[in-house]
Amino acid sequence: RVVLPGGGVLMAGDAACGGAPYVGIKGVTLTLNYDTVAEAERAFHALAAGAEVVMPLQPTFWAKIWGMLTDRYGTPWIVNGELLND
């Protein structure tokens, strides 16, 4: 359970059937959208600890800043800050 700024909560679970080993998330990327660049930078850098950064934070056409990473648990993330077409 992760409590997000503004009171949002992100909850997820994994349950391997029949005792099969956990193989990670496949075919899904979790996205976090923040109202400010500063909030997006904070979240990205927190997730980046021990992670593989796929795309460093940078400007793009849909947000003032965005980046992609796979966290230390193998979960892929996209982080956006200040969406431009919101």
PDB file of N, CA and C in Angstrom:
ATOM      1  N   ARG A   1       0.846  -1.167   0.000  1.00  0.00           N
ATOM      2  CA  ARG A   1       0.000   0.000   0.000  1.00  0.00           C
ATOM      3  C   ARG A   1       0.892   1.231   0.000  1.00  0.00           C
ATOM      4  N   VAL A   2       0.637   2.133  -0.935  1.00  0.00           N
ATOM      5  CA  VAL A   2       1.393   3.369  -1.053  1.00  0.00           C
ATOM      6  C   VAL A   2       0.408   4.519  -0.960  1.00  0.00           C
ATOM      7  N   VAL A   3       0.642   5.434  -0.031  1.00  0.00           N
ATOM      8  CA  VAL A   3      -0.190   6.628   0.074  1.00  0.00           C
ATOM      9  C   VAL A   3       0.455   7.709  -0.773  1.00  0.00           C
ATOM     10  N   LEU A   4      -0.309   8.226  -1.729  1.00  0.00           N
ATOM     11  CA  LEU A   4       0.189   9.214  -2.665  1.00  0.00           C
ATOM     12  C   LEU A   4      -0.137  10.625  -2.178  1.00  0.00           C
ATOM     13  N   PRO A   5       0.618  11.622  -2.643  1.00  0.00           N
ATOM     14  CA  PRO A   5       0.284  13.004  -2.298  1.00  0.00           C
ATOM     15  C   PRO A   5      -1.158  13.309  -2.677  1.00  0.00           C
ATOM     16  N   GLY A   6      -1.834  14.094  -1.874  1.00  0.00           N
ATOM     17  CA  GLY A   6      -3.230  14.417  -2.141  1.00  0.00           C
ATOM     18  C   GLY A   6      -4.194  13.379  -1.609  1.00  0.00           C
ATOM     19  N   GLY A   7      -3.690  12.364  -0.906  1.00  0.00           N
ATOM     20  CA  GLY A   7      -4.564  11.385  -0.280  1.00  0.00           C
ATOM     21  C   GLY A   7      -4.876  10.166  -1.116  1.00  0.00           C
ATOM     22  N   GLY A   8      -4.329  10.060  -2.332  1.00  0.00           N
ATOM     23  CA  GLY A   8      -4.572   8.877  -3.144  1.00  0.00           C
ATOM     24  C   GLY A   8      -3.851   7.672  -2.563  1.00  0.00           C
ATOM     25  N   VAL A   9      -4.359   6.487  -2.853  1.00  0.00           N
ATOM     26  CA  VAL A   9      -3.741   5.257  -2.375  1.00  0.00           C
ATOM     27  C   VAL A   9      -3.586   4.312  -3.556  1.00  0.00           C
ATOM     28  N   LEU A  10      -2.400   3.749  -3.693  1.00  0.00           N
ATOM     29  CA  LEU A  10      -2.134   2.738  -4.702  1.00  0.00           C
ATOM     30  C   LEU A  10      -1.951   1.419  -3.972  1.00  0.00           C
ATOM     31  N   MET A  11      -2.784   0.444  -4.313  1.00  0.00           N
ATOM     32  CA  MET A  11      -2.671  -0.876  -3.690  1.00  0.00           C
ATOM     33  C   MET A  11      -2.580  -1.911  -4.805  1.00  0.00           C
ATOM     34  N   ALA A  12      -1.754  -2.895  -4.609  1.00  0.00           N
ATOM     35  CA  ALA A  12      -1.607  -3.961  -5.587  1.00  0.00           C
ATOM     36  C   ALA A  12      -1.242  -5.234  -4.851  1.00  0.00           C
ATOM     37  N   GLY A  13      -1.400  -6.331  -5.509  1.00  0.00           N
ATOM     38  CA  GLY A  13      -1.031  -7.599  -4.899  1.00  0.00           C
ATOM     39  C   GLY A  13      -0.625  -8.594  -5.966  1.00  0.00           C
ATOM     40  N   ASP A  14       0.144  -9.546  -5.559  1.00  0.00           N
ATOM     41  CA  ASP A  14       0.491 -10.634  -6.452  1.00  0.00           C
ATOM     42  C   ASP A  14       0.225 -11.932  -5.711  1.00  0.00           C
ATOM     43  N   ALA A  15      -0.322 -12.861  -6.413  1.00  0.00           N
ATOM     44  CA  ALA A  15      -0.625 -14.144  -5.796  1.00  0.00           C
ATOM     45  C   ALA A  15      -0.329 -15.237  -6.810  1.00  0.00           C
ATOM     46  N   ALA A  16       0.787 -15.882  -6.629  1.00  0.00           N
ATOM     47  CA  ALA A  16       1.134 -16.983  -7.518  1.00  0.00           C
ATOM     48  C   ALA A  16       0.211 -18.162  -7.255  1.00  0.00           C
ATOM     49  N   CYS A  17      -0.337 -18.726  -8.298  1.00  0.00           N
ATOM     50  CA  CYS A  17      -1.239 -19.867  -8.170  1.00  0.00           C
ATOM     51  C   CYS A  17      -0.444 -21.150  -7.945  1.00  0.00           C
ATOM     52  N   GLY A  18      -0.880 -21.948  -7.024  1.00  0.00           N
ATOM     53  CA  GLY A  18      -0.286 -23.253  -6.800  1.00  0.00           C
ATOM     54  C   GLY A  18       1.164 -23.217  -6.358  1.00  0.00           C
ATOM     55  N   GLY A  19       1.582 -22.119  -5.741  1.00  0.00           N
ATOM     56  CA  GLY A  19       2.944 -22.034  -5.241  1.00  0.00           C
ATOM     57  C   GLY A  19       3.989 -21.734  -6.304  1.00  0.00           C
ATOM     58  N   ALA A  20       3.542 -21.327  -7.513  1.00  0.00           N
ATOM     59  CA  ALA A  20       4.494 -20.995  -8.569  1.00  0.00           C
ATOM     60  C   ALA A  20       5.309 -19.770  -8.161  1.00  0.00           C
ATOM     61  N   PRO A  21       6.570 -19.702  -8.557  1.00  0.00           N
ATOM     62  CA  PRO A  21       7.393 -18.546  -8.185  1.00  0.00           C
ATOM     63  C   PRO A  21       6.920 -17.276  -8.884  1.00  0.00           C
ATOM     64  N   TYR A  22       7.098 -16.160  -8.221  1.00  0.00           N
ATOM     65  CA  TYR A  22       6.734 -14.868  -8.781  1.00  0.00           C
ATOM     66  C   TYR A  22       7.711 -14.526  -9.902  1.00  0.00           C
ATOM     67  N   VAL A  23       7.199 -14.165 -11.079  1.00  0.00           N
ATOM     68  CA  VAL A  23       8.050 -13.864 -12.224  1.00  0.00           C
ATOM     69  C   VAL A  23       7.999 -12.383 -12.613  1.00  0.00           C
ATOM     70  N   GLY A  24       7.366 -11.572 -11.813  1.00  0.00           N
ATOM     71  CA  GLY A  24       7.305 -10.145 -12.097  1.00  0.00           C
ATOM     72  C   GLY A  24       6.095  -9.766 -12.927  1.00  0.00           C
ATOM     73  N   ILE A  25       5.938  -8.468 -13.093  1.00  0.00           N
ATOM     74  CA  ILE A  25       4.818  -7.928 -13.871  1.00  0.00           C
ATOM     75  C   ILE A  25       5.203  -7.955 -15.342  1.00  0.00           C
ATOM     76  N   LYS A  26       4.338  -8.482 -16.163  1.00  0.00           N
ATOM     77  CA  LYS A  26       4.589  -8.572 -17.605  1.00  0.00           C
ATOM     78  C   LYS A  26       3.471  -7.861 -18.359  1.00  0.00           C
ATOM     79  N   GLY A  27       3.822  -7.029 -19.327  1.00  0.00           N
ATOM     80  CA  GLY A  27       2.832  -6.396 -20.195  1.00  0.00           C
ATOM     81  C   GLY A  27       2.068  -5.245 -19.574  1.00  0.00           C
ATOM     82  N   VAL A  28       2.526  -4.727 -18.441  1.00  0.00           N
ATOM     83  CA  VAL A  28       1.834  -3.629 -17.760  1.00  0.00           C
ATOM     84  C   VAL A  28       2.868  -2.610 -17.304  1.00  0.00           C
ATOM     85  N   THR A  29       2.545  -1.344 -17.451  1.00  0.00           N
ATOM     86  CA  THR A  29       3.356  -0.265 -16.904  1.00  0.00           C
ATOM     87  C   THR A  29       2.445   0.606 -16.049  1.00  0.00           C
ATOM     88  N   LEU A  30       2.875   0.907 -14.840  1.00  0.00           N
ATOM     89  CA  LEU A  30       2.112   1.786 -13.963  1.00  0.00           C
ATOM     90  C   LEU A  30       2.517   3.226 -14.239  1.00  0.00           C
ATOM     91  N   THR A  31       1.536   4.129 -14.289  1.00  0.00           N
ATOM     92  CA  THR A  31       1.804   5.531 -14.584  1.00  0.00           C
ATOM     93  C   THR A  31       1.345   6.405 -13.435  1.00  0.00           C
ATOM     94  N   LEU A  32       2.209   7.345 -13.058  1.00  0.00           N
ATOM     95  CA  LEU A  32       1.888   8.336 -12.034  1.00  0.00           C
ATOM     96  C   LEU A  32       1.879   9.705 -12.691  1.00  0.00           C
ATOM     97  N   ASN A  33       0.791  10.447 -12.544  1.00  0.00           N
ATOM     98  CA  ASN A  33       0.675  11.810 -13.058  1.00  0.00           C
ATOM     99  C   ASN A  33       0.652  12.767 -11.876  1.00  0.00           C
ATOM    100  N   TYR A  34       1.519  13.776 -11.918  1.00  0.00           N
ATOM    101  CA  TYR A  34       1.602  14.764 -10.848  1.00  0.00           C
ATOM    102  C   TYR A  34       1.292  16.148 -11.388  1.00  0.00           C
ATOM    103  N   ASP A  35       0.756  16.996 -10.524  1.00  0.00           N
ATOM    104  CA  ASP A  35       0.387  18.355 -10.904  1.00  0.00           C
ATOM    105  C   ASP A  35       1.589  19.252 -11.134  1.00  0.00           C
ATOM    106  N   THR A  36       2.719  18.934 -10.509  1.00  0.00           N
ATOM    107  CA  THR A  36       3.897  19.780 -10.638  1.00  0.00           C
ATOM    108  C   THR A  36       5.120  18.955 -11.030  1.00  0.00           C
ATOM    109  N   VAL A  37       6.071  19.647 -11.632  1.00  0.00           N
ATOM    110  CA  VAL A  37       7.343  19.022 -11.983  1.00  0.00           C
ATOM    111  C   VAL A  37       8.060  18.554 -10.727  1.00  0.00           C
ATOM    112  N   ALA A  38       8.016  19.367  -9.676  1.00  0.00           N
ATOM    113  CA  ALA A  38       8.713  19.017  -8.427  1.00  0.00           C
ATOM    114  C   ALA A  38       8.181  17.713  -7.837  1.00  0.00           C
ATOM    115  N   GLU A  39       6.863  17.525  -7.851  1.00  0.00           N
ATOM    116  CA  GLU A  39       6.279  16.280  -7.328  1.00  0.00           C
ATOM    117  C   GLU A  39       6.718  15.085  -8.184  1.00  0.00           C
ATOM    118  N   ALA A  40       6.730  15.264  -9.498  1.00  0.00           N
ATOM    119  CA  ALA A  40       7.143  14.189 -10.403  1.00  0.00           C
ATOM    120  C   ALA A  40       8.613  13.840 -10.182  1.00  0.00           C
ATOM    121  N   GLU A  41       9.449  14.848 -10.015  1.00  0.00           N
ATOM    122  CA  GLU A  41      10.870  14.597  -9.772  1.00  0.00           C
ATOM    123  C   GLU A  41      11.076  13.841  -8.465  1.00  0.00           C
ATOM    124  N   ARG A  42      10.361  14.229  -7.427  1.00  0.00           N
ATOM    125  CA  ARG A  42      10.471  13.550  -6.129  1.00  0.00           C
ATOM    126  C   ARG A  42      10.099  12.073  -6.267  1.00  0.00           C
ATOM    127  N   ALA A  43       8.965  11.801  -6.917  1.00  0.00           N
ATOM    128  CA  ALA A  43       8.507  10.419  -7.084  1.00  0.00           C
ATOM    129  C   ALA A  43       9.484   9.611  -7.931  1.00  0.00           C
ATOM    130  N   PHE A  44       9.932  10.184  -9.032  1.00  0.00           N
ATOM    131  CA  PHE A  44      10.848   9.482  -9.929  1.00  0.00           C
ATOM    132  C   PHE A  44      12.136   9.114  -9.197  1.00  0.00           C
ATOM    133  N   HIS A  45      12.707  10.073  -8.485  1.00  0.00           N
ATOM    134  CA  HIS A  45      13.972   9.808  -7.793  1.00  0.00           C
ATOM    135  C   HIS A  45      13.798   8.796  -6.659  1.00  0.00           C
ATOM    136  N   ALA A  46      12.647   8.797  -6.005  1.00  0.00           N
ATOM    137  CA  ALA A  46      12.388   7.793  -4.960  1.00  0.00           C
ATOM    138  C   ALA A  46      12.283   6.397  -5.581  1.00  0.00           C
ATOM    139  N   LEU A  47      11.571   6.285  -6.693  1.00  0.00           N
ATOM    140  CA  LEU A  47      11.440   4.989  -7.372  1.00  0.00           C
ATOM    141  C   LEU A  47      12.756   4.539  -7.993  1.00  0.00           C
ATOM    142  N   ALA A  48      13.620   5.479  -8.343  1.00  0.00           N
ATOM    143  CA  ALA A  48      14.868   5.165  -9.041  1.00  0.00           C
ATOM    144  C   ALA A  48      15.923   4.515  -8.157  1.00  0.00           C
ATOM    145  N   ALA A  49      15.738   4.536  -6.848  1.00  0.00           N
ATOM    146  CA  ALA A  49      16.718   3.912  -5.945  1.00  0.00           C
ATOM    147  C   ALA A  49      16.786   2.417  -6.248  1.00  0.00           C
ATOM    148  N   GLY A  50      17.917   1.958  -6.750  1.00  0.00           N
ATOM    149  CA  GLY A  50      18.094   0.548  -7.078  1.00  0.00           C
ATOM    150  C   GLY A  50      17.388   0.123  -8.351  1.00  0.00           C
ATOM    151  N   ALA A  51      16.927   1.086  -9.147  1.00  0.00           N
ATOM    152  CA  ALA A  51      16.140   0.794 -10.343  1.00  0.00           C
ATOM    153  C   ALA A  51      16.990   0.887 -11.606  1.00  0.00           C
ATOM    154  N   GLU A  52      16.400   0.442 -12.716  1.00  0.00           N
ATOM    155  CA  GLU A  52      16.979   0.661 -14.037  1.00  0.00           C
ATOM    156  C   GLU A  52      16.209   1.812 -14.674  1.00  0.00           C
ATOM    157  N   VAL A  53      16.868   2.929 -14.894  1.00  0.00           N
ATOM    158  CA  VAL A  53      16.224   4.074 -15.535  1.00  0.00           C
ATOM    159  C   VAL A  53      16.230   3.818 -17.042  1.00  0.00           C
ATOM    160  N   VAL A  54      15.042   3.718 -17.607  1.00  0.00           N
ATOM    161  CA  VAL A  54      14.875   3.447 -19.030  1.00  0.00           C
ATOM    162  C   VAL A  54      14.929   4.754 -19.816  1.00  0.00           C
ATOM    163  N   MET A  55      14.284   5.794 -19.300  1.00  0.00           N
ATOM    164  CA  MET A  55      14.269   7.111 -19.925  1.00  0.00           C
ATOM    165  C   MET A  55      14.371   8.140 -18.815  1.00  0.00           C
ATOM    166  N   PRO A  56      15.470   8.879 -18.731  1.00  0.00           N
ATOM    167  CA  PRO A  56      15.600   9.891 -17.680  1.00  0.00           C
ATOM    168  C   PRO A  56      14.512  10.959 -17.816  1.00  0.00           C
ATOM    169  N   LEU A  57      14.270  11.679 -16.740  1.00  0.00           N
ATOM    170  CA  LEU A  57      13.284  12.763 -16.777  1.00  0.00           C
ATOM    171  C   LEU A  57      13.670  13.786 -17.836  1.00  0.00           C
ATOM    172  N   GLN A  58      12.669  14.176 -18.646  1.00  0.00           N
ATOM    173  CA  GLN A  58      12.892  15.135 -19.716  1.00  0.00           C
ATOM    174  C   GLN A  58      11.565  15.710 -20.190  1.00  0.00           C
ATOM    175  N   PRO A  59      11.592  16.845 -20.862  1.00  0.00           N
ATOM    176  CA  PRO A  59      10.353  17.413 -21.402  1.00  0.00           C
ATOM    177  C   PRO A  59       9.822  16.554 -22.549  1.00  0.00           C
ATOM    178  N   THR A  60       8.516  16.641 -22.773  1.00  0.00           N
ATOM    179  CA  THR A  60       7.888  15.953 -23.893  1.00  0.00           C
ATOM    180  C   THR A  60       6.659  16.742 -24.318  1.00  0.00           C
ATOM    181  N   PHE A  61       5.993  16.307 -25.370  1.00  0.00           N
ATOM    182  CA  PHE A  61       4.865  17.071 -25.894  1.00  0.00           C
ATOM    183  C   PHE A  61       3.603  16.960 -25.043  1.00  0.00           C
ATOM    184  N   TRP A  62       3.491  15.943 -24.161  1.00  0.00           N
ATOM    185  CA  TRP A  62       2.281  15.797 -23.355  1.00  0.00           C
ATOM    186  C   TRP A  62       2.447  16.271 -21.914  1.00  0.00           C
ATOM    187  N   ALA A  63       3.682  16.530 -21.498  1.00  0.00           N
ATOM    188  CA  ALA A  63       3.925  16.958 -20.115  1.00  0.00           C
ATOM    189  C   ALA A  63       5.207  17.790 -20.073  1.00  0.00           C
ATOM    190  N   LYS A  64       5.307  18.628 -19.058  1.00  0.00           N
ATOM    191  CA  LYS A  64       6.533  19.406 -18.902  1.00  0.00           C
ATOM    192  C   LYS A  64       7.727  18.498 -18.619  1.00  0.00           C
ATOM    193  N   ILE A  65       7.454  17.353 -17.980  1.00  0.00           N
ATOM    194  CA  ILE A  65       8.529  16.407 -17.673  1.00  0.00           C
ATOM    195  C   ILE A  65       7.951  14.997 -17.584  1.00  0.00           C
ATOM    196  N   TRP A  66       8.747  14.027 -18.013  1.00  0.00           N
ATOM    197  CA  TRP A  66       8.350  12.619 -17.887  1.00  0.00           C
ATOM    198  C   TRP A  66       9.596  11.749 -17.873  1.00  0.00           C
ATOM    199  N   GLY A  67       9.440  10.530 -17.381  1.00  0.00           N
ATOM    200  CA  GLY A  67      10.527   9.565 -17.378  1.00  0.00           C
ATOM    201  C   GLY A  67       9.988   8.164 -17.198  1.00  0.00           C
ATOM    202  N   MET A  68      10.816   7.172 -17.510  1.00  0.00           N
ATOM    203  CA  MET A  68      10.441   5.761 -17.381  1.00  0.00           C
ATOM    204  C   MET A  68      11.542   5.019 -16.631  1.00  0.00           C
ATOM    205  N   LEU A  69      11.123   4.065 -15.810  1.00  0.00           N
ATOM    206  CA  LEU A  69      12.088   3.228 -15.098  1.00  0.00           C
ATOM    207  C   LEU A  69      11.451   1.908 -14.725  1.00  0.00           C
ATOM    208  N   THR A  70      12.296   0.960 -14.401  1.00  0.00           N
ATOM    209  CA  THR A  70      11.850  -0.316 -13.841  1.00  0.00           C
ATOM    210  C   THR A  70      12.442  -0.382 -12.439  1.00  0.00           C
ATOM    211  N   ASP A  71      11.574  -0.420 -11.435  1.00  0.00           N
ATOM    212  CA  ASP A  71      12.053  -0.339 -10.045  1.00  0.00           C
ATOM    213  C   ASP A  71      12.791  -1.609  -9.624  1.00  0.00           C
ATOM    214  N   ARG A  72      13.324  -1.583  -8.422  1.00  0.00           N
ATOM    215  CA  ARG A  72      14.152  -2.690  -7.929  1.00  0.00           C
ATOM    216  C   ARG A  72      13.388  -3.991  -7.789  1.00  0.00           C
ATOM    217  N   TYR A  73      12.054  -3.938  -7.864  1.00  0.00           N
ATOM    218  CA  TYR A  73      11.232  -5.148  -7.776  1.00  0.00           C
ATOM    219  C   TYR A  73      10.794  -5.640  -9.157  1.00  0.00           C
ATOM    220  N   GLY A  74      11.214  -4.933 -10.215  1.00  0.00           N
ATOM    221  CA  GLY A  74      10.858  -5.336 -11.568  1.00  0.00           C
ATOM    222  C   GLY A  74       9.578  -4.715 -12.088  1.00  0.00           C
ATOM    223  N   THR A  75       9.047  -3.717 -11.386  1.00  0.00           N
ATOM    224  CA  THR A  75       7.815  -3.047 -11.811  1.00  0.00           C
ATOM    225  C   THR A  75       8.150  -1.862 -12.708  1.00  0.00           C
ATOM    226  N   PRO A  76       7.598  -1.823 -13.931  1.00  0.00           N
ATOM    227  CA  PRO A  76       7.840  -0.692 -14.820  1.00  0.00           C
ATOM    228  C   PRO A  76       6.932   0.496 -14.466  1.00  0.00           C
ATOM    229  N   TRP A  77       7.505   1.713 -14.511  1.00  0.00           N
ATOM    230  CA  TRP A  77       6.795   2.943 -14.161  1.00  0.00           C
ATOM    231  C   TRP A  77       7.025   4.015 -15.222  1.00  0.00           C
ATOM    232  N   ILE A  78       6.005   4.831 -15.436  1.00  0.00           N
ATOM    233  CA  ILE A  78       6.108   6.095 -16.157  1.00  0.00           C
ATOM    234  C   ILE A  78       5.696   7.174 -15.167  1.00  0.00           C
ATOM    235  N   VAL A  79       6.476   8.242 -15.099  1.00  0.00           N
ATOM    236  CA  VAL A  79       6.157   9.360 -14.209  1.00  0.00           C
ATOM    237  C   VAL A  79       6.029  10.618 -15.062  1.00  0.00           C
ATOM    238  N   ASN A  80       4.879  11.290 -14.945  1.00  0.00           N
ATOM    239  CA  ASN A  80       4.604  12.525 -15.666  1.00  0.00           C
ATOM    240  C   ASN A  80       4.445  13.670 -14.684  1.00  0.00           C
ATOM    241  N   GLY A  81       4.928  14.853 -15.069  1.00  0.00           N
ATOM    242  CA  GLY A  81       4.740  16.047 -14.254  1.00  0.00           C
ATOM    243  C   GLY A  81       4.173  17.177 -15.088  1.00  0.00           C
ATOM    244  N   GLU A  82       3.103  17.773 -14.643  1.00  0.00           N
ATOM    245  CA  GLU A  82       2.410  18.888 -15.305  1.00  0.00           C
ATOM    246  C   GLU A  82       1.979  18.523 -16.724  1.00  0.00           C
ATOM    247  N   LEU A  83       0.938  17.691 -16.799  1.00  0.00           N
ATOM    248  CA  LEU A  83       0.385  17.330 -18.114  1.00  0.00           C
ATOM    249  C   LEU A  83      -0.043  18.582 -18.860  1.00  0.00           C
ATOM    250  N   LEU A  84       0.233  18.633 -20.154  1.00  0.00           N
ATOM    251  CA  LEU A  84      -0.059  19.839 -20.946  1.00  0.00           C
ATOM    252  C   LEU A  84      -1.446  19.835 -21.570  1.00  0.00           C
ATOM    253  N   ASN A  85      -2.038  18.684 -21.745  1.00  0.00           N
ATOM    254  CA  ASN A  85      -3.364  18.588 -22.355  1.00  0.00           C
ATOM    255  C   ASN A  85      -4.389  18.069 -21.387  1.00  0.00           C
ATOM    256  N   ASP A  86      -4.237  18.420 -20.133  1.00  0.00           N
ATOM    257  CA  ASP A  86      -5.128  17.910 -19.086  1.00  0.00           C
ATOM    258  C   ASP A  86      -6.418  18.673 -19.046  1.00  0.00           C
TER     259      ASP A  86
END
